[in-house]
PDB file of N, CA and C in Angstrom:
ATOM      1  N   MET A   1       1.757  10.771 -13.933  1.00  0.00           N
ATOM      2  CA  MET A   1       1.234   9.982 -12.838  1.00  0.00           C
ATOM      3  C   MET A   1       2.396   9.347 -12.071  1.00  0.00           C
ATOM      4  N   ILE A   2       2.126   9.074 -10.818  1.00  0.00           N
ATOM      5  CA  ILE A   2       3.109   8.472  -9.931  1.00  0.00           C
ATOM      6  C   ILE A   2       2.514   7.202  -9.307  1.00  0.00           C
ATOM      7  N   ALA A   3       3.273   6.106  -9.341  1.00  0.00           N
ATOM      8  CA  ALA A   3       2.878   4.869  -8.655  1.00  0.00           C
ATOM      9  C   ALA A   3       3.661   4.788  -7.353  1.00  0.00           C
ATOM     10  N   ARG A   4       2.956   4.564  -6.271  1.00  0.00           N
ATOM     11  CA  ARG A   4       3.544   4.440  -4.936  1.00  0.00           C
ATOM     12  C   ARG A   4       3.424   2.977  -4.528  1.00  0.00           C
ATOM     13  N   THR A   5       4.536   2.345  -4.186  1.00  0.00           N
ATOM     14  CA  THR A   5       4.507   0.929  -3.861  1.00  0.00           C
ATOM     15  C   THR A   5       4.995   0.675  -2.435  1.00  0.00           C
ATOM     16  N   TRP A   6       4.321  -0.253  -1.778  1.00  0.00           N
ATOM     17  CA  TRP A   6       4.676  -0.691  -0.429  1.00  0.00           C
ATOM     18  C   TRP A   6       4.608  -2.204  -0.397  1.00  0.00           C
ATOM     19  N   ARG A   7       5.489  -2.814   0.391  1.00  0.00           N
ATOM     20  CA  ARG A   7       5.490  -4.263   0.548  1.00  0.00           C
ATOM     21  C   ARG A   7       5.373  -4.629   2.021  1.00  0.00           C
ATOM     22  N   GLY A   8       4.663  -5.713   2.291  1.00  0.00           N
ATOM     23  CA  GLY A   8       4.549  -6.219   3.642  1.00  0.00           C
ATOM     24  C   GLY A   8       4.374  -7.721   3.626  1.00  0.00           C
ATOM     25  N   ARG A   9       4.782  -8.363   4.715  1.00  0.00           N
ATOM     26  CA  ARG A   9       4.659  -9.818   4.825  1.00  0.00           C
ATOM     27  C   ARG A   9       3.938 -10.190   6.111  1.00  0.00           C
ATOM     28  N   THR A  10       3.074 -11.195   5.995  1.00  0.00           N
ATOM     29  CA  THR A  10       2.368 -11.757   7.150  1.00  0.00           C
ATOM     30  C   THR A  10       2.573 -13.265   7.157  1.00  0.00           C
ATOM     31  N   LYS A  11       2.128 -13.900   8.212  1.00  0.00           N
ATOM     32  CA  LYS A  11       2.040 -15.353   8.205  1.00  0.00           C
ATOM     33  C   LYS A  11       0.980 -15.732   7.177  1.00  0.00           C
ATOM     34  N   ALA A  12       1.172 -16.851   6.491  1.00  0.00           N
ATOM     35  CA  ALA A  12       0.179 -17.301   5.509  1.00  0.00           C
ATOM     36  C   ALA A  12      -1.182 -17.479   6.165  1.00  0.00           C
ATOM     37  N   SER A  13      -1.192 -17.897   7.410  1.00  0.00           N
ATOM     38  CA  SER A  13      -2.462 -18.108   8.118  1.00  0.00           C
ATOM     39  C   SER A  13      -3.213 -16.799   8.371  1.00  0.00           C
ATOM     40  N   ASP A  14      -2.534 -15.670   8.279  1.00  0.00           N
ATOM     41  CA  ASP A  14      -3.164 -14.353   8.458  1.00  0.00           C
ATOM     42  C   ASP A  14      -3.498 -13.659   7.137  1.00  0.00           C
ATOM     43  N   ALA A  15      -3.239 -14.320   6.023  1.00  0.00           N
ATOM     44  CA  ALA A  15      -3.367 -13.675   4.715  1.00  0.00           C
ATOM     45  C   ALA A  15      -4.765 -13.116   4.451  1.00  0.00           C
ATOM     46  N   GLU A  16      -5.797 -13.877   4.714  1.00  0.00           N
ATOM     47  CA  GLU A  16      -7.160 -13.414   4.425  1.00  0.00           C
ATOM     48  C   GLU A  16      -7.596 -12.302   5.370  1.00  0.00           C
ATOM     49  N   VAL A  17      -7.328 -12.462   6.659  1.00  0.00           N
ATOM     50  CA  VAL A  17      -7.732 -11.429   7.610  1.00  0.00           C
ATOM     51  C   VAL A  17      -6.953 -10.139   7.356  1.00  0.00           C
ATOM     52  N   TYR A  18      -5.688 -10.241   6.953  1.00  0.00           N
ATOM     53  CA  TYR A  18      -4.926  -9.022   6.668  1.00  0.00           C
ATOM     54  C   TYR A  18      -5.421  -8.363   5.380  1.00  0.00           C
ATOM     55  N   LYS A  19      -5.800  -9.175   4.391  1.00  0.00           N
ATOM     56  CA  LYS A  19      -6.379  -8.609   3.169  1.00  0.00           C
ATOM     57  C   LYS A  19      -7.616  -7.792   3.509  1.00  0.00           C
ATOM     58  N   ASP A  20      -8.480  -8.343   4.349  1.00  0.00           N
ATOM     59  CA  ASP A  20      -9.684  -7.625   4.766  1.00  0.00           C
ATOM     60  C   ASP A  20      -9.326  -6.343   5.513  1.00  0.00           C
ATOM     61  N   TYR A  21      -8.306  -6.424   6.354  1.00  0.00           N
ATOM     62  CA  TYR A  21      -7.853  -5.245   7.099  1.00  0.00           C
ATOM     63  C   TYR A  21      -7.308  -4.178   6.152  1.00  0.00           C
ATOM     64  N   LEU A  22      -6.541  -4.592   5.146  1.00  0.00           N
ATOM     65  CA  LEU A  22      -6.045  -3.634   4.148  1.00  0.00           C
ATOM     66  C   LEU A  22      -7.200  -2.926   3.431  1.00  0.00           C
ATOM     67  N   MET A  23      -8.237  -3.676   3.127  1.00  0.00           N
ATOM     68  CA  MET A  23      -9.391  -3.096   2.442  1.00  0.00           C
ATOM     69  C   MET A  23     -10.064  -2.047   3.324  1.00  0.00           C
ATOM     70  N   GLU A  24     -10.169  -2.317   4.620  1.00  0.00           N
ATOM     71  CA  GLU A  24     -10.829  -1.401   5.556  1.00  0.00           C
ATOM     72  C   GLU A  24      -9.994  -0.159   5.855  1.00  0.00           C
ATOM     73  N   THR A  25      -8.684  -0.287   5.768  1.00  0.00           N
ATOM     74  CA  THR A  25      -7.790   0.812   6.167  1.00  0.00           C
ATOM     75  C   THR A  25      -7.128   1.458   4.955  1.00  0.00           C
ATOM     76  N   GLY A  26      -6.088   0.839   4.456  1.00  0.00           N
ATOM     77  CA  GLY A  26      -5.285   1.428   3.383  1.00  0.00           C
ATOM     78  C   GLY A  26      -6.048   1.717   2.111  1.00  0.00           C
ATOM     79  N   VAL A  27      -6.830   0.753   1.655  1.00  0.00           N
ATOM     80  CA  VAL A  27      -7.582   0.961   0.411  1.00  0.00           C
ATOM     81  C   VAL A  27      -8.621   2.062   0.594  1.00  0.00           C
ATOM     82  N   LYS A  28      -9.347   2.011   1.670  1.00  0.00           N
ATOM     83  CA  LYS A  28     -10.393   3.015   1.925  1.00  0.00           C
ATOM     84  C   LYS A  28      -9.793   4.419   2.037  1.00  0.00           C
ATOM     85  N   SER A  29      -8.727   4.540   2.811  1.00  0.00           N
ATOM     86  CA  SER A  29      -8.087   5.840   3.015  1.00  0.00           C
ATOM     87  C   SER A  29      -7.448   6.372   1.736  1.00  0.00           C
ATOM     88  N   THR A  30      -6.730   5.507   1.038  1.00  0.00           N
ATOM     89  CA  THR A  30      -6.067   5.911  -0.198  1.00  0.00           C
ATOM     90  C   THR A  30      -7.080   6.303  -1.265  1.00  0.00           C
ATOM     91  N   SER A  31      -8.072   5.457  -1.466  1.00  0.00           N
ATOM     92  CA  SER A  31      -9.057   5.691  -2.526  1.00  0.00           C
ATOM     93  C   SER A  31      -9.882   6.945  -2.316  1.00  0.00           C
ATOM     94  N   SER A  32     -10.051   7.347  -1.073  1.00  0.00           N
ATOM     95  CA  SER A  32     -10.862   8.533  -0.799  1.00  0.00           C
ATOM     96  C   SER A  32     -10.055   9.829  -0.809  1.00  0.00           C
ATOM     97  N   THR A  33      -8.766   9.737  -1.076  1.00  0.00           N
ATOM     98  CA  THR A  33      -7.912  10.927  -1.112  1.00  0.00           C
ATOM     99  C   THR A  33      -7.918  11.530  -2.512  1.00  0.00           C
ATOM    100  N   GLU A  34      -8.159  12.820  -2.582  1.00  0.00           N
ATOM    101  CA  GLU A  34      -8.162  13.533  -3.866  1.00  0.00           C
ATOM    102  C   GLU A  34      -6.838  13.316  -4.590  1.00  0.00           C
ATOM    103  N   GLY A  35      -6.922  13.012  -5.868  1.00  0.00           N
ATOM    104  CA  GLY A  35      -5.735  12.806  -6.688  1.00  0.00           C
ATOM    105  C   GLY A  35      -5.344  11.350  -6.841  1.00  0.00           C
ATOM    106  N   ASN A  36      -6.037  10.453  -6.115  1.00  0.00           N
ATOM    107  CA  ASN A  36      -5.753   9.035  -6.258  1.00  0.00           C
ATOM    108  C   ASN A  36      -6.456   8.508  -7.497  1.00  0.00           C
ATOM    109  N   ARG A  37      -5.737   7.741  -8.312  1.00  0.00           N
ATOM    110  CA  ARG A  37      -6.278   7.191  -9.547  1.00  0.00           C
ATOM    111  C   ARG A  37      -6.626   5.715  -9.456  1.00  0.00           C
ATOM    112  N   GLY A  38      -6.287   5.095  -8.333  1.00  0.00           N
ATOM    113  CA  GLY A  38      -6.608   3.679  -8.183  1.00  0.00           C
ATOM    114  C   GLY A  38      -5.630   2.979  -7.259  1.00  0.00           C
ATOM    115  N   VAL A  39      -6.030   1.794  -6.834  1.00  0.00           N
ATOM    116  CA  VAL A  39      -5.231   0.984  -5.923  1.00  0.00           C
ATOM    117  C   VAL A  39      -5.211  -0.449  -6.453  1.00  0.00           C
ATOM    118  N   TYR A  40      -4.057  -1.075  -6.377  1.00  0.00           N
ATOM    119  CA  TYR A  40      -3.895  -2.479  -6.727  1.00  0.00           C
ATOM    120  C   TYR A  40      -3.227  -3.169  -5.548  1.00  0.00           C
ATOM    121  N   ILE A  41      -3.720  -4.339  -5.197  1.00  0.00           N
ATOM    122  CA  ILE A  41      -3.067  -5.140  -4.175  1.00  0.00           C
ATOM    123  C   ILE A  41      -2.725  -6.482  -4.803  1.00  0.00           C
ATOM    124  N   TRP A  42      -1.459  -6.831  -4.696  1.00  0.00           N
ATOM    125  CA  TRP A  42      -1.002  -8.135  -5.165  1.00  0.00           C
ATOM    126  C   TRP A  42      -0.619  -8.954  -3.953  1.00  0.00           C
ATOM    127  N   ARG A  43      -0.887 -10.247  -4.012  1.00  0.00           N
ATOM    128  CA  ARG A  43      -0.536 -11.128  -2.902  1.00  0.00           C
ATOM    129  C   ARG A  43       0.050 -12.415  -3.452  1.00  0.00           C
ATOM    130  N   ARG A  44       1.083 -12.888  -2.766  1.00  0.00           N
ATOM    131  CA  ARG A  44       1.703 -14.161  -3.119  1.00  0.00           C
ATOM    132  C   ARG A  44       1.927 -14.944  -1.826  1.00  0.00           C
ATOM    133  N   ILE A  45       1.406 -16.146  -1.778  1.00  0.00           N
ATOM    134  CA  ILE A  45       1.616 -17.001  -0.621  1.00  0.00           C
ATOM    135  C   ILE A  45       2.651 -18.048  -1.001  1.00  0.00           C
ATOM    136  N   SER A  46       3.689 -18.111  -0.185  1.00  0.00           N
ATOM    137  CA  SER A  46       4.771 -19.064  -0.418  1.00  0.00           C
ATOM    138  C   SER A  46       5.128 -19.694   0.924  1.00  0.00           C
ATOM    139  N   GLY A  47       4.826 -20.981   1.042  1.00  0.00           N
ATOM    140  CA  GLY A  47       5.091 -21.663   2.306  1.00  0.00           C
ATOM    141  C   GLY A  47       4.232 -21.076   3.414  1.00  0.00           C
ATOM    142  N   ASP A  48       4.877 -20.648   4.487  1.00  0.00           N
ATOM    143  CA  ASP A  48       4.123 -20.121   5.630  1.00  0.00           C
ATOM    144  C   ASP A  48       4.079 -18.598   5.662  1.00  0.00           C
ATOM    145  N   THR A  49       4.427 -17.961   4.531  1.00  0.00           N
ATOM    146  CA  THR A  49       4.460 -16.498   4.459  1.00  0.00           C
ATOM    147  C   THR A  49       3.590 -15.981   3.314  1.00  0.00           C
ATOM    148  N   ALA A  50       2.913 -14.868   3.569  1.00  0.00           N
ATOM    149  CA  ALA A  50       2.148 -14.174   2.523  1.00  0.00           C
ATOM    150  C   ALA A  50       2.780 -12.809   2.310  1.00  0.00           C
ATOM    151  N   GLU A  51       3.119 -12.511   1.065  1.00  0.00           N
ATOM    152  CA  GLU A  51       3.691 -11.203   0.725  1.00  0.00           C
ATOM    153  C   GLU A  51       2.620 -10.365   0.030  1.00  0.00           C
ATOM    154  N   PHE A  52       2.481  -9.125   0.462  1.00  0.00           N
ATOM    155  CA  PHE A  52       1.550  -8.179  -0.143  1.00  0.00           C
ATOM    156  C   PHE A  52       2.324  -7.051  -0.799  1.00  0.00           C
ATOM    157  N   VAL A  53       1.870  -6.661  -1.979  1.00  0.00           N
ATOM    158  CA  VAL A  53       2.386  -5.468  -2.638  1.00  0.00           C
ATOM    159  C   VAL A  53       1.184  -4.553  -2.852  1.00  0.00           C
ATOM    160  N   PHE A  54       1.269  -3.360  -2.298  1.00  0.00           N
ATOM    161  CA  PHE A  54       0.196  -2.373  -2.358  1.00  0.00           C
ATOM    162  C   PHE A  54       0.664  -1.268  -3.292  1.00  0.00           C
ATOM    163  N   VAL A  55      -0.023  -1.092  -4.410  1.00  0.00           N
ATOM    164  CA  VAL A  55       0.344  -0.074  -5.393  1.00  0.00           C
ATOM    165  C   VAL A  55      -0.807   0.918  -5.513  1.00  0.00           C
ATOM    166  N   SER A  56      -0.499   2.175  -5.285  1.00  0.00           N
ATOM    167  CA  SER A  56      -1.504   3.220  -5.491  1.00  0.00           C
ATOM    168  C   SER A  56      -0.981   4.162  -6.568  1.00  0.00           C
ATOM    169  N   VAL A  57      -1.880   4.668  -7.379  1.00  0.00           N
ATOM    170  CA  VAL A  57      -1.514   5.531  -8.502  1.00  0.00           C
ATOM    171  C   VAL A  57      -2.078   6.917  -8.238  1.00  0.00           C
ATOM    172  N   TRP A  58      -1.244   7.921  -8.458  1.00  0.00           N
ATOM    173  CA  TRP A  58      -1.557   9.299  -8.089  1.00  0.00           C
ATOM    174  C   TRP A  58      -1.295  10.265  -9.230  1.00  0.00           C
ATOM    175  N   ASP A  59      -2.022  11.385  -9.199  1.00  0.00           N
ATOM    176  CA  ASP A  59      -1.794  12.439 -10.189  1.00  0.00           C
ATOM    177  C   ASP A  59      -0.448  13.127  -9.976  1.00  0.00           C
ATOM    178  N   SER A  60      -0.052  13.322  -8.710  1.00  0.00           N
ATOM    179  CA  SER A  60       1.175  14.079  -8.427  1.00  0.00           C
ATOM    180  C   SER A  60       1.676  13.792  -7.014  1.00  0.00           C
ATOM    181  N   PHE A  61       2.893  14.235  -6.722  1.00  0.00           N
ATOM    182  CA  PHE A  61       3.428  14.112  -5.367  1.00  0.00           C
ATOM    183  C   PHE A  61       2.641  14.986  -4.385  1.00  0.00           C
ATOM    184  N   ASP A  62       2.128  16.104  -4.851  1.00  0.00           N
ATOM    185  CA  ASP A  62       1.299  16.939  -3.977  1.00  0.00           C
ATOM    186  C   ASP A  62       0.061  16.172  -3.516  1.00  0.00           C
ATOM    187  N   ASP A  63      -0.506  15.360  -4.391  1.00  0.00           N
ATOM    188  CA  ASP A  63      -1.659  14.548  -4.012  1.00  0.00           C
ATOM    189  C   ASP A  63      -1.255  13.441  -3.038  1.00  0.00           C
ATOM    190  N   ILE A  64      -0.090  12.861  -3.230  1.00  0.00           N
ATOM    191  CA  ILE A  64       0.394  11.841  -2.295  1.00  0.00           C
ATOM    192  C   ILE A  64       0.558  12.442  -0.907  1.00  0.00           C
ATOM    193  N   LYS A  65       1.013  13.687  -0.828  1.00  0.00           N
ATOM    194  CA  LYS A  65       1.177  14.361   0.469  1.00  0.00           C
ATOM    195  C   LYS A  65      -0.153  14.468   1.219  1.00  0.00           C
ATOM    196  N   LYS A  66      -1.257  14.585   0.496  1.00  0.00           N
ATOM    197  CA  LYS A  66      -2.574  14.655   1.132  1.00  0.00           C
ATOM    198  C   LYS A  66      -2.875  13.364   1.882  1.00  0.00           C
ATOM    199  N   PHE A  67      -2.316  12.260   1.409  1.00  0.00           N
ATOM    200  CA  PHE A  67      -2.511  10.964   2.046  1.00  0.00           C
ATOM    201  C   PHE A  67      -1.403  10.654   3.058  1.00  0.00           C
ATOM    202  N   ALA A  68      -0.158  10.824   2.637  1.00  0.00           N
ATOM    203  CA  ALA A  68       0.985  10.337   3.422  1.00  0.00           C
ATOM    204  C   ALA A  68       1.626  11.383   4.321  1.00  0.00           C
ATOM    205  N   GLY A  69       1.320  12.650   4.097  1.00  0.00           N
ATOM    206  CA  GLY A  69       1.973  13.703   4.859  1.00  0.00           C
ATOM    207  C   GLY A  69       3.181  14.258   4.118  1.00  0.00           C
ATOM    208  N   LYS A  70       3.889  15.130   4.783  1.00  0.00           N
ATOM    209  CA  LYS A  70       4.999  15.868   4.158  1.00  0.00           C
ATOM    210  C   LYS A  70       6.087  14.951   3.597  1.00  0.00           C
ATOM    211  N   ASP A  71       6.447  13.899   4.337  1.00  0.00           N
ATOM    212  CA  ASP A  71       7.476  12.959   3.884  1.00  0.00           C
ATOM    213  C   ASP A  71       6.808  11.834   3.103  1.00  0.00           C
ATOM    214  N   VAL A  72       6.726  12.000   1.797  1.00  0.00           N
ATOM    215  CA  VAL A  72       6.011  11.034   0.956  1.00  0.00           C
ATOM    216  C   VAL A  72       6.702   9.683   0.888  1.00  0.00           C
ATOM    217  N   ASN A  73       7.965   9.625   1.278  1.00  0.00           N
ATOM    218  CA  ASN A  73       8.697   8.356   1.233  1.00  0.00           C
ATOM    219  C   ASN A  73       8.437   7.481   2.456  1.00  0.00           C
ATOM    220  N   LYS A  74       7.832   8.041   3.478  1.00  0.00           N
ATOM    221  CA  LYS A  74       7.558   7.302   4.705  1.00  0.00           C
ATOM    222  C   LYS A  74       6.301   6.443   4.523  1.00  0.00           C
ATOM    223  N   ALA A  75       6.384   5.183   4.938  1.00  0.00           N
ATOM    224  CA  ALA A  75       5.232   4.281   4.852  1.00  0.00           C
ATOM    225  C   ALA A  75       4.154   4.714   5.839  1.00  0.00           C
ATOM    226  N   VAL A  76       2.905   4.512   5.453  1.00  0.00           N
ATOM    227  CA  VAL A  76       1.761   4.806   6.320  1.00  0.00           C
ATOM    228  C   VAL A  76       1.279   3.488   6.923  1.00  0.00           C
ATOM    229  N   TYR A  77       1.174   3.459   8.251  1.00  0.00           N
ATOM    230  CA  TYR A  77       0.696   2.264   8.939  1.00  0.00           C
ATOM    231  C   TYR A  77      -0.536   2.589   9.771  1.00  0.00           C
ATOM    232  N   TYR A  78      -1.308   1.533  10.031  1.00  0.00           N
ATOM    233  CA  TYR A  78      -2.549   1.647  10.788  1.00  0.00           C
ATOM    234  C   TYR A  78      -2.409   0.855  12.092  1.00  0.00           C
ATOM    235  N   PRO A  79      -3.289   1.093  13.067  1.00  0.00           N
ATOM    236  CA  PRO A  79      -3.106   0.550  14.421  1.00  0.00           C
ATOM    237  C   PRO A  79      -2.855  -0.960  14.528  1.00  0.00           C
ATOM    238  N   LYS A  80      -3.525  -1.769  13.739  1.00  0.00           N
ATOM    239  CA  LYS A  80      -3.379  -3.222  13.881  1.00  0.00           C
ATOM    240  C   LYS A  80      -2.297  -3.825  12.973  1.00  0.00           C
ATOM    241  N   ASP A  81      -1.609  -3.002  12.181  1.00  0.00           N
ATOM    242  CA  ASP A  81      -0.566  -3.532  11.304  1.00  0.00           C
ATOM    243  C   ASP A  81       0.479  -4.324  12.082  1.00  0.00           C
ATOM    244  N   ARG A  82       0.837  -3.853  13.258  1.00  0.00           N
ATOM    245  CA  ARG A  82       1.857  -4.544  14.072  1.00  0.00           C
ATOM    246  C   ARG A  82       1.409  -5.948  14.493  1.00  0.00           C
ATOM    247  N   GLU A  83       0.102  -6.162  14.559  1.00  0.00           N
ATOM    248  CA  GLU A  83      -0.409  -7.485  14.928  1.00  0.00           C
ATOM    249  C   GLU A  83      -0.209  -8.511  13.818  1.00  0.00           C
ATOM    250  N   TYR A  84      -0.204  -8.047  12.571  1.00  0.00           N
ATOM    251  CA  TYR A  84      -0.154  -8.952  11.429  1.00  0.00           C
ATOM    252  C   TYR A  84       1.194  -8.994  10.720  1.00  0.00           C
ATOM    253  N   LEU A  85       1.825  -7.848  10.563  1.00  0.00           N
ATOM    254  CA  LEU A  85       3.031  -7.777   9.743  1.00  0.00           C
ATOM    255  C   LEU A  85       4.250  -8.335  10.470  1.00  0.00           C
ATOM    256  N   LEU A  86       5.094  -9.037   9.727  1.00  0.00           N
ATOM    257  CA  LEU A  86       6.310  -9.619  10.290  1.00  0.00           C
ATOM    258  C   LEU A  86       7.383  -8.561  10.515  1.00  0.00           C
ATOM    259  N   GLU A  87       7.335  -7.485   9.753  1.00  0.00           N
ATOM    260  CA  GLU A  87       8.203  -6.326   9.944  1.00  0.00           C
ATOM    261  C   GLU A  87       7.512  -5.110   9.350  1.00  0.00           C
ATOM    262  N   LEU A  88       7.923  -3.925   9.767  1.00  0.00           N
ATOM    263  CA  LEU A  88       7.342  -2.683   9.242  1.00  0.00           C
ATOM    264  C   LEU A  88       8.394  -1.974   8.406  1.00  0.00           C
ATOM    265  N   GLU A  89       8.238  -2.057   7.114  1.00  0.00           N
ATOM    266  CA  GLU A  89       9.159  -1.361   6.216  1.00  0.00           C
ATOM    267  C   GLU A  89       8.999   0.138   6.440  1.00  0.00           C
ATOM    268  N   PRO A  90      10.078   0.864   6.672  1.00  0.00           N
ATOM    269  CA  PRO A  90       9.948   2.289   6.977  1.00  0.00           C
ATOM    270  C   PRO A  90       9.604   3.170   5.777  1.00  0.00           C
ATOM    271  N   GLU A  91       9.958   2.721   4.572  1.00  0.00           N
ATOM    272  CA  GLU A  91       9.755   3.565   3.395  1.00  0.00           C
ATOM    273  C   GLU A  91       9.054   2.824   2.272  1.00  0.00           C
ATOM    274  N   VAL A  92       8.495   3.613   1.382  1.00  0.00           N
ATOM    275  CA  VAL A  92       7.858   3.113   0.166  1.00  0.00           C
ATOM    276  C   VAL A  92       8.722   3.519  -1.022  1.00  0.00           C
ATOM    277  N   GLU A  93       8.328   3.066  -2.204  1.00  0.00           N
ATOM    278  CA  GLU A  93       9.027   3.467  -3.427  1.00  0.00           C
ATOM    279  C   GLU A  93       8.030   4.146  -4.351  1.00  0.00           C
ATOM    280  N   HIS A  94       8.541   5.072  -5.150  1.00  0.00           N
ATOM    281  CA  HIS A  94       7.717   5.777  -6.125  1.00  0.00           C
ATOM    282  C   HIS A  94       8.300   5.584  -7.523  1.00  0.00           C
ATOM    283  N   TYR A  95       7.398   5.453  -8.490  1.00  0.00           N
ATOM    284  CA  TYR A  95       7.783   5.289  -9.876  1.00  0.00           C
ATOM    285  C   TYR A  95       6.963   6.238 -10.737  1.00  0.00           C
ATOM    286  N   GLU A  96       7.596   6.805 -11.721  1.00  0.00           N
ATOM    287  CA  GLU A  96       6.881   7.608 -12.706  1.00  0.00           C
ATOM    288  C   GLU A  96       6.175   6.638 -13.663  1.00  0.00           C
ATOM    289  N   VAL A  97       4.896   6.822 -13.854  1.00  0.00           N
ATOM    290  CA  VAL A  97       4.144   5.979 -14.782  1.00  0.00           C
ATOM    291  C   VAL A  97       4.367   6.553 -16.184  1.00  0.00           C
ATOM    292  N   ILE A  98       5.060   5.804 -17.008  1.00  0.00           N
ATOM    293  CA  ILE A  98       5.370   6.309 -18.344  1.00  0.00           C
ATOM    294  C   ILE A  98       4.461   5.717 -19.418  1.00  0.00           C
ATOM    295  N   PHE A  99       3.683   4.683 -19.045  1.00  0.00           N
ATOM    296  CA  PHE A  99       2.716   4.111 -19.970  1.00  0.00           C
ATOM    297  C   PHE A  99       1.635   3.387 -19.188  1.00  0.00           C
ATOM    298  N   SER A 100       0.420   3.509 -19.642  1.00  0.00           N
ATOM    299  CA  SER A 100      -0.693   2.726 -19.114  1.00  0.00           C
ATOM    300  C   SER A 100      -1.611   2.399 -20.281  1.00  0.00           C
ATOM    301  N   SER A 101      -2.082   1.180 -20.347  1.00  0.00           N
ATOM    302  CA  SER A 101      -2.951   0.772 -21.457  1.00  0.00           C
ATOM    303  C   SER A 101      -4.381   1.223 -21.254  1.00  0.00           C
ATOM    304  N   LYS A 102      -4.688   1.774 -20.073  1.00  0.00           N
ATOM    305  CA  LYS A 102      -6.057   2.239 -19.809  1.00  0.00           C
ATOM    306  C   LYS A 102      -6.082   3.720 -19.570  1.00  0.00           C
TER     307      LYS A 102
END
């Protein structure tokens, strides 16, 4: 299995609306792609900034390509991301899942 991780930051005041937007876009799109094993979103609010970590788990890189396209290292963004995010990270990170308790 492969874990794909992305990070993004918004204003703390946008944290809830961006969470809802992530659910409508990234979570929906990722979860409906064949080979996806699940999605986790972590959020931390510190001062006036909210940091999001989006982790999706996949059977293989071929399955990630079904979601992200040929360049699996490139971050996937949706139309309103620019309205909320303080910057657009160009790439994601991938990790080999070597253990899971479930």
